[in-house]
N, C-alpha and C. Protein backbone atom coordinates (compact mmCIF):
# COMPACT_ATOMS: atom_id res chain seq x y z
N MET A 1 -78.69 65.56 -32.11
CA MET A 1 -77.44 65.00 -32.56
C MET A 1 -77.68 63.62 -33.16
N PHE A 2 -76.96 63.33 -34.20
CA PHE A 2 -77.03 62.02 -34.86
C PHE A 2 -75.67 61.35 -34.72
N VAL A 3 -75.68 60.06 -34.40
CA VAL A 3 -74.42 59.33 -34.26
C VAL A 3 -74.24 58.43 -35.49
N PRO A 4 -73.12 58.58 -36.22
CA PRO A 4 -72.90 57.74 -37.40
C PRO A 4 -72.26 56.40 -37.07
N ASP A 5 -72.58 55.84 -35.93
CA ASP A 5 -72.13 54.50 -35.55
C ASP A 5 -70.62 54.40 -35.44
N SER A 6 -70.00 55.35 -34.75
CA SER A 6 -68.55 55.31 -34.63
C SER A 6 -68.12 55.71 -33.22
N ILE A 7 -67.99 54.74 -32.36
CA ILE A 7 -67.47 54.99 -31.02
C ILE A 7 -66.16 54.22 -30.90
N ALA A 8 -65.07 54.93 -30.64
CA ALA A 8 -63.75 54.31 -30.57
C ALA A 8 -63.05 54.73 -29.29
N GLU A 9 -62.15 53.90 -28.84
CA GLU A 9 -61.39 54.21 -27.64
C GLU A 9 -60.44 55.37 -27.92
N ALA A 10 -60.45 56.38 -27.04
CA ALA A 10 -59.54 57.51 -27.18
C ALA A 10 -58.13 57.04 -26.81
N GLN A 11 -57.14 57.62 -27.46
CA GLN A 11 -55.75 57.22 -27.24
C GLN A 11 -54.91 58.42 -26.81
N ASP A 12 -53.97 58.17 -25.90
CA ASP A 12 -52.98 59.17 -25.52
C ASP A 12 -51.66 58.78 -26.18
N PHE A 13 -50.87 59.78 -26.56
CA PHE A 13 -49.56 59.51 -27.15
C PHE A 13 -48.49 59.81 -26.13
N ASN A 14 -47.62 58.84 -25.86
CA ASN A 14 -46.52 59.00 -24.91
C ASN A 14 -45.27 59.39 -25.70
N GLU A 15 -44.81 60.63 -25.49
CA GLU A 15 -43.63 61.12 -26.22
C GLU A 15 -42.39 60.28 -25.92
N ALA A 16 -42.22 59.85 -24.67
CA ALA A 16 -41.03 59.10 -24.28
C ALA A 16 -40.95 57.75 -24.98
N THR A 17 -42.06 57.02 -25.00
CA THR A 17 -42.06 55.68 -25.59
C THR A 17 -42.49 55.68 -27.05
N ARG A 18 -43.04 56.81 -27.53
CA ARG A 18 -43.56 56.94 -28.90
C ARG A 18 -44.68 55.95 -29.17
N GLN A 19 -45.45 55.60 -28.12
CA GLN A 19 -46.54 54.65 -28.27
C GLN A 19 -47.85 55.29 -27.81
N ARG A 20 -48.93 54.73 -28.32
CA ARG A 20 -50.27 55.16 -27.92
C ARG A 20 -50.80 54.19 -26.88
N THR A 21 -51.49 54.76 -25.89
CA THR A 21 -52.11 53.95 -24.84
C THR A 21 -53.55 54.42 -24.67
N PRO A 22 -54.44 53.55 -24.17
CA PRO A 22 -55.83 53.97 -23.94
C PRO A 22 -55.90 55.16 -22.98
N SER A 23 -56.72 56.14 -23.31
CA SER A 23 -56.91 57.32 -22.45
C SER A 23 -57.72 56.95 -21.23
N LYS A 24 -57.36 57.57 -20.11
CA LYS A 24 -58.13 57.44 -18.87
C LYS A 24 -58.39 58.84 -18.34
N ASP A 25 -59.59 59.04 -17.81
CA ASP A 25 -59.95 60.33 -17.23
C ASP A 25 -59.10 60.58 -16.00
N LYS A 26 -58.52 61.77 -15.90
CA LYS A 26 -57.63 62.09 -14.79
C LYS A 26 -58.34 62.15 -13.44
N VAL A 27 -59.64 62.45 -13.44
CA VAL A 27 -60.38 62.57 -12.18
C VAL A 27 -60.99 61.24 -11.75
N THR A 28 -61.69 60.57 -12.67
CA THR A 28 -62.41 59.34 -12.31
C THR A 28 -61.62 58.06 -12.55
N GLY A 29 -60.61 58.13 -13.41
CA GLY A 29 -59.85 56.93 -13.76
C GLY A 29 -60.56 56.05 -14.78
N GLU A 30 -61.74 56.47 -15.23
CA GLU A 30 -62.48 55.68 -16.21
C GLU A 30 -61.87 55.83 -17.60
N ARG A 31 -62.07 54.81 -18.44
CA ARG A 31 -61.60 54.88 -19.81
C ARG A 31 -62.40 55.94 -20.58
N VAL A 32 -61.77 56.48 -21.61
CA VAL A 32 -62.39 57.54 -22.41
C VAL A 32 -62.63 57.00 -23.82
N TRP A 33 -63.86 57.21 -24.29
CA TRP A 33 -64.27 56.79 -25.63
C TRP A 33 -64.66 58.02 -26.42
N GLN A 34 -64.40 58.02 -27.72
CA GLN A 34 -64.77 59.15 -28.57
C GLN A 34 -65.92 58.75 -29.48
N CYS A 35 -66.92 59.61 -29.50
CA CYS A 35 -68.11 59.38 -30.33
C CYS A 35 -68.28 60.57 -31.27
N ARG A 36 -68.17 60.32 -32.56
CA ARG A 36 -68.41 61.38 -33.55
C ARG A 36 -69.91 61.54 -33.72
N VAL A 37 -70.36 62.77 -33.70
CA VAL A 37 -71.78 63.05 -33.91
C VAL A 37 -71.94 64.17 -34.93
N MET A 38 -73.12 64.21 -35.52
CA MET A 38 -73.42 65.25 -36.50
C MET A 38 -74.61 66.06 -36.03
N ASP A 39 -74.49 67.38 -36.12
CA ASP A 39 -75.57 68.30 -35.78
C ASP A 39 -76.19 68.77 -37.09
N MET A 40 -77.45 68.45 -37.29
CA MET A 40 -78.11 68.78 -38.55
C MET A 40 -78.90 70.09 -38.49
N ASP A 41 -78.56 70.97 -37.55
CA ASP A 41 -79.23 72.26 -37.43
C ASP A 41 -79.01 73.07 -38.71
N PRO A 42 -80.08 73.46 -39.42
CA PRO A 42 -79.92 74.20 -40.68
C PRO A 42 -79.30 75.59 -40.47
N GLU A 43 -79.36 76.12 -39.26
CA GLU A 43 -78.79 77.44 -39.01
C GLU A 43 -77.26 77.42 -38.99
N LEU A 44 -76.65 76.24 -39.01
CA LEU A 44 -75.19 76.16 -39.02
C LEU A 44 -74.61 76.60 -40.36
N GLY A 45 -75.42 76.57 -41.40
CA GLY A 45 -74.93 76.98 -42.72
C GLY A 45 -73.77 76.12 -43.16
N SER A 46 -72.65 76.76 -43.51
CA SER A 46 -71.49 76.03 -44.00
C SER A 46 -70.52 75.63 -42.89
N ARG A 47 -70.83 75.99 -41.65
CA ARG A 47 -69.94 75.62 -40.54
C ARG A 47 -69.93 74.12 -40.31
N SER A 48 -68.91 73.65 -39.63
CA SER A 48 -68.76 72.22 -39.37
C SER A 48 -69.95 71.67 -38.61
N ARG A 49 -70.41 70.52 -39.02
CA ARG A 49 -71.55 69.86 -38.38
C ARG A 49 -71.11 68.67 -37.54
N GLU A 50 -69.84 68.32 -37.59
CA GLU A 50 -69.37 67.14 -36.86
C GLU A 50 -68.54 67.56 -35.66
N VAL A 51 -68.82 66.94 -34.52
CA VAL A 51 -68.02 67.14 -33.31
C VAL A 51 -67.76 65.78 -32.69
N SER A 52 -66.77 65.75 -31.82
CA SER A 52 -66.44 64.52 -31.11
C SER A 52 -66.81 64.71 -29.64
N ILE A 53 -67.55 63.76 -29.10
CA ILE A 53 -67.93 63.81 -27.69
C ILE A 53 -67.21 62.68 -26.98
N LYS A 54 -66.53 63.01 -25.89
CA LYS A 54 -65.83 62.00 -25.11
C LYS A 54 -66.78 61.43 -24.07
N ILE A 55 -66.85 60.11 -24.02
CA ILE A 55 -67.73 59.42 -23.07
C ILE A 55 -66.86 58.67 -22.08
N LEU A 56 -67.08 58.91 -20.78
CA LEU A 56 -66.32 58.23 -19.74
C LEU A 56 -67.05 56.96 -19.35
N SER A 57 -66.40 55.81 -19.54
CA SER A 57 -67.02 54.53 -19.24
C SER A 57 -65.96 53.45 -19.24
N ASN A 58 -66.06 52.51 -18.28
CA ASN A 58 -65.09 51.42 -18.25
C ASN A 58 -65.34 50.38 -19.34
N VAL A 59 -66.54 50.39 -19.94
CA VAL A 59 -66.84 49.49 -21.05
C VAL A 59 -67.23 50.34 -22.27
N GLN A 60 -67.00 49.81 -23.46
CA GLN A 60 -67.30 50.57 -24.67
C GLN A 60 -68.79 50.83 -24.78
N PRO A 61 -69.19 52.11 -24.87
CA PRO A 61 -70.61 52.44 -25.05
C PRO A 61 -71.10 51.93 -26.41
N VAL A 62 -72.35 51.54 -26.45
CA VAL A 62 -72.98 51.07 -27.68
C VAL A 62 -74.14 52.00 -27.99
N PRO A 63 -74.18 52.55 -29.20
CA PRO A 63 -75.31 53.42 -29.54
C PRO A 63 -76.63 52.67 -29.36
N PRO A 64 -77.62 53.30 -28.71
CA PRO A 64 -78.90 52.63 -28.43
C PRO A 64 -79.81 52.54 -29.66
N VAL A 65 -79.39 53.16 -30.74
CA VAL A 65 -80.19 53.20 -31.97
C VAL A 65 -79.27 52.90 -33.15
N GLY A 66 -79.83 52.80 -34.33
CA GLY A 66 -79.04 52.53 -35.53
C GLY A 66 -78.23 53.73 -35.97
N PRO A 67 -77.37 53.52 -36.99
CA PRO A 67 -76.56 54.63 -37.50
C PRO A 67 -77.42 55.79 -38.00
N PHE A 68 -76.94 56.98 -37.77
CA PHE A 68 -77.58 58.23 -38.19
C PHE A 68 -78.98 58.40 -37.60
N GLN A 69 -79.16 57.90 -36.39
CA GLN A 69 -80.39 58.11 -35.64
C GLN A 69 -80.08 59.11 -34.52
N GLN A 70 -81.11 59.76 -33.99
CA GLN A 70 -80.91 60.73 -32.93
C GLN A 70 -80.52 60.04 -31.63
N VAL A 71 -79.68 60.73 -30.84
CA VAL A 71 -79.27 60.25 -29.53
C VAL A 71 -79.24 61.42 -28.55
N GLU A 72 -79.20 61.08 -27.27
CA GLU A 72 -78.98 62.07 -26.21
C GLU A 72 -77.79 61.59 -25.39
N PHE A 73 -77.11 62.54 -24.77
CA PHE A 73 -75.97 62.21 -23.93
C PHE A 73 -76.30 62.50 -22.48
N GLU A 74 -75.91 61.59 -21.59
CA GLU A 74 -76.16 61.77 -20.16
C GLU A 74 -75.03 62.60 -19.56
N ASN A 75 -75.41 63.54 -18.69
CA ASN A 75 -74.45 64.38 -17.97
C ASN A 75 -73.46 65.06 -18.91
N LEU A 76 -73.96 65.60 -20.00
CA LEU A 76 -73.10 66.27 -20.99
C LEU A 76 -72.58 67.58 -20.41
N THR A 77 -71.27 67.77 -20.51
CA THR A 77 -70.65 69.03 -20.10
C THR A 77 -69.90 69.61 -21.29
N VAL A 78 -69.84 70.93 -21.34
CA VAL A 78 -69.13 71.63 -22.40
C VAL A 78 -68.10 72.53 -21.73
N THR A 79 -66.84 72.36 -22.11
CA THR A 79 -65.76 73.15 -21.54
C THR A 79 -65.11 73.98 -22.64
N PRO A 80 -65.21 75.32 -22.54
CA PRO A 80 -64.54 76.15 -23.54
C PRO A 80 -63.05 76.25 -23.24
N TYR A 81 -62.24 76.38 -24.29
CA TYR A 81 -60.80 76.59 -24.13
C TYR A 81 -60.27 77.29 -25.37
N VAL A 82 -59.07 77.82 -25.27
CA VAL A 82 -58.44 78.47 -26.42
C VAL A 82 -57.54 77.43 -27.09
N GLY A 83 -57.81 77.16 -28.36
CA GLY A 83 -57.04 76.16 -29.11
C GLY A 83 -55.66 76.67 -29.48
N SER A 84 -54.86 75.78 -30.06
CA SER A 84 -53.49 76.13 -30.43
C SER A 84 -53.44 77.22 -31.50
N ASN A 85 -54.53 77.42 -32.23
CA ASN A 85 -54.59 78.47 -33.24
C ASN A 85 -55.07 79.81 -32.67
N GLY A 86 -55.31 79.84 -31.34
CA GLY A 86 -55.75 81.07 -30.69
C GLY A 86 -57.24 81.31 -30.75
N ARG A 87 -57.99 80.38 -31.32
CA ARG A 87 -59.44 80.52 -31.44
C ARG A 87 -60.14 79.75 -30.33
N LEU A 88 -61.35 80.20 -30.01
CA LEU A 88 -62.16 79.54 -29.00
C LEU A 88 -62.61 78.17 -29.52
N ALA A 89 -62.48 77.16 -28.67
CA ALA A 89 -62.90 75.80 -29.02
C ALA A 89 -63.64 75.23 -27.82
N TYR A 90 -64.25 74.06 -28.01
CA TYR A 90 -65.04 73.45 -26.94
C TYR A 90 -64.70 71.97 -26.82
N SER A 91 -64.70 71.49 -25.59
CA SER A 91 -64.53 70.07 -25.31
C SER A 91 -65.86 69.56 -24.76
N PHE A 92 -66.37 68.47 -25.35
CA PHE A 92 -67.65 67.88 -24.93
C PHE A 92 -67.38 66.55 -24.24
N ARG A 93 -67.97 66.37 -23.03
CA ARG A 93 -67.79 65.13 -22.28
C ARG A 93 -69.15 64.68 -21.75
N ALA A 94 -69.33 63.37 -21.67
CA ALA A 94 -70.58 62.80 -21.17
C ALA A 94 -70.27 61.51 -20.42
N THR A 95 -71.27 61.00 -19.71
CA THR A 95 -71.10 59.73 -19.00
C THR A 95 -71.89 58.60 -19.64
N GLY A 96 -72.68 58.90 -20.66
CA GLY A 96 -73.45 57.86 -21.33
C GLY A 96 -74.14 58.37 -22.56
N ILE A 97 -74.66 57.43 -23.35
CA ILE A 97 -75.39 57.74 -24.56
C ILE A 97 -76.69 56.94 -24.53
N VAL A 98 -77.82 57.63 -24.77
CA VAL A 98 -79.13 56.98 -24.68
C VAL A 98 -80.01 57.39 -25.86
N ALA A 99 -81.07 56.62 -26.07
CA ALA A 99 -82.06 56.99 -27.08
C ALA A 99 -82.80 58.23 -26.59
N PRO A 100 -83.20 59.12 -27.49
CA PRO A 100 -83.90 60.33 -27.05
C PRO A 100 -85.25 60.01 -26.42
N LYS A 101 -85.59 60.82 -25.43
CA LYS A 101 -86.88 60.65 -24.74
C LYS A 101 -87.99 61.27 -25.59
N THR A 102 -89.17 60.70 -25.48
CA THR A 102 -90.33 61.29 -26.16
C THR A 102 -90.84 62.46 -25.32
N LEU A 103 -91.69 63.26 -25.88
CA LEU A 103 -92.27 64.39 -25.16
C LEU A 103 -93.04 63.89 -23.94
N THR A 104 -93.76 62.77 -24.08
CA THR A 104 -94.52 62.19 -22.97
C THR A 104 -93.58 61.78 -21.84
N GLU A 105 -92.47 61.14 -22.17
CA GLU A 105 -91.50 60.72 -21.15
C GLU A 105 -90.91 61.94 -20.45
N THR A 106 -90.62 62.98 -21.21
CA THR A 106 -90.04 64.19 -20.63
C THR A 106 -91.03 64.87 -19.68
N ARG A 107 -92.29 64.98 -20.09
CA ARG A 107 -93.31 65.61 -19.24
C ARG A 107 -93.58 64.79 -18.00
N GLY A 108 -93.60 63.47 -18.13
CA GLY A 108 -93.84 62.59 -16.99
C GLY A 108 -92.77 62.72 -15.93
N LYS A 109 -91.54 62.98 -16.34
CA LYS A 109 -90.44 63.11 -15.40
C LYS A 109 -90.52 64.41 -14.61
N ALA A 110 -91.07 65.45 -15.24
CA ALA A 110 -91.15 66.76 -14.60
C ALA A 110 -92.22 66.83 -13.53
N SER A 111 -93.24 65.97 -13.60
CA SER A 111 -94.32 66.09 -12.63
C SER A 111 -94.07 65.31 -11.37
């Protein structure tokens, strides 16, 4: 995944007051941030390459690398649901964003 340097606070819309307020996770109470990422997998063909990943954090996450560099997400979960159009959709949530590990770092952790 590549992050185009865009992490913004997620907003909830209150129908009664017609105002937007910062989103908070219903379980943890932490603030929710949205990070747009691009998947450059060539097998995607003409399908959408951009998704939004929600990051739970009380402070705004900062990408550990420059724009359009690879990143990894900590504790990434994917939740499938049926969208308003009746099609299958996915919600992506994470607890952090980090620079990708090298092969050496990954192997060292496994031993």
